[in-house]
Amino acid sequence: MADWDDLRIFLAVARSESLSRAGRVLKIDPATVGRRVARLEEALGARLFTKSPQGYALTDEGTRLLAHATRAEQAMTGAMEELRGAPGQLSGQIRIGAPDGCATFVLPQVVAQICDENPGLEVQIVALPRVFNLSKREADMAIAVSRPEAGRLTVQKITDYHLHLAASRDYLARHAPIATPADLRQHRFVGYIADMIFDKELDYLGEVGAETVPLASNSVTVQLNWVRGGAGVAVVHDFALAGAPELVKVLPGDVALKRAFYLIRHADDRRVERLNRFADLLAQGLRREVARLESVT
């Protein structure tokens, strides 16, 4: 008969696909992780993993156990949070994955307000320019700019947001005027590295007629700092312009883009009331904050 601690170790290996990475998460040495997995396999009479050069992969038996172990984890977490937390308040740790534009300019103030109202809550924001794997529990939930096409996921549209071309007043004073879209050909563009664009919704520059991107980064924060420093013209989130008064929109009547934020969760988490409540607060807060920041520009 498997105990909860063995299942916890099984989940860590299944998600990280490595004894050493699982050990770092669990703060125990990899040899102990391996022994505990072997003990669980012996107790269940089933082989749960196959080892390959790529790491530890679940067998069919392991995949079946994963669903049950995940539900056990959710039940255990929910029980602990209910016992530890104040009545009506959220507590414990929640990790959110988000693209760096949202994570830098919108998410911090939204999360801070939620935590002010729920002092026992700990929130981690992981800002990475890529899609998060919720099946491996890289995050409890993720914000994305397009709907995922596969996976056992729930998807909720949060809000639309807007983007415009922008440049610094200093840059515009030093370079040829931009009166029509054709004038953009005389100017230096700042944008994403083409082969590192992880979502088609971030491939803006084709829509604005940019043929080359002399200054490129996979970080929207780096791009914004280039533009603030007078390095060129870029597609900038309206909610980021609120904190950059030295920037002005360029051709706002001709070039205007609209995208959306989506909240992505693992389907199994619909049973976890704590995560449901946090997701509701997060979505409400993001809608309010995007609207507030865009109203400033």
Foldseek 3Di string as FASTA:
>chain_A
DDDLVLLLLLLLCALVLALCSSCVVVVHHSVVSVVSQVVVCVVVVHRAWDQDPVHTHGDPVVVVVNVVSVVVVLVVVLVVQVVPFDPPAGADEFEEEEAQVCVPQAQPVLVVVNCVVHVRYHYHYHHDQADDDCSSPPGQKYKDQDDDDDAQKDKDWQDKFKKFKKAFPVLCVVDDHADDLVVLVRWAEEAADVVSNHDPVRPCCVVSPDPDHPHHYSHVVVSVVCRLVNNTMYIDTLLVVLVRVRMDGGPPVVDMDMITMMMMHRNVCVVNVSVVVVVVSSSVSRVVSSVVSNVSD
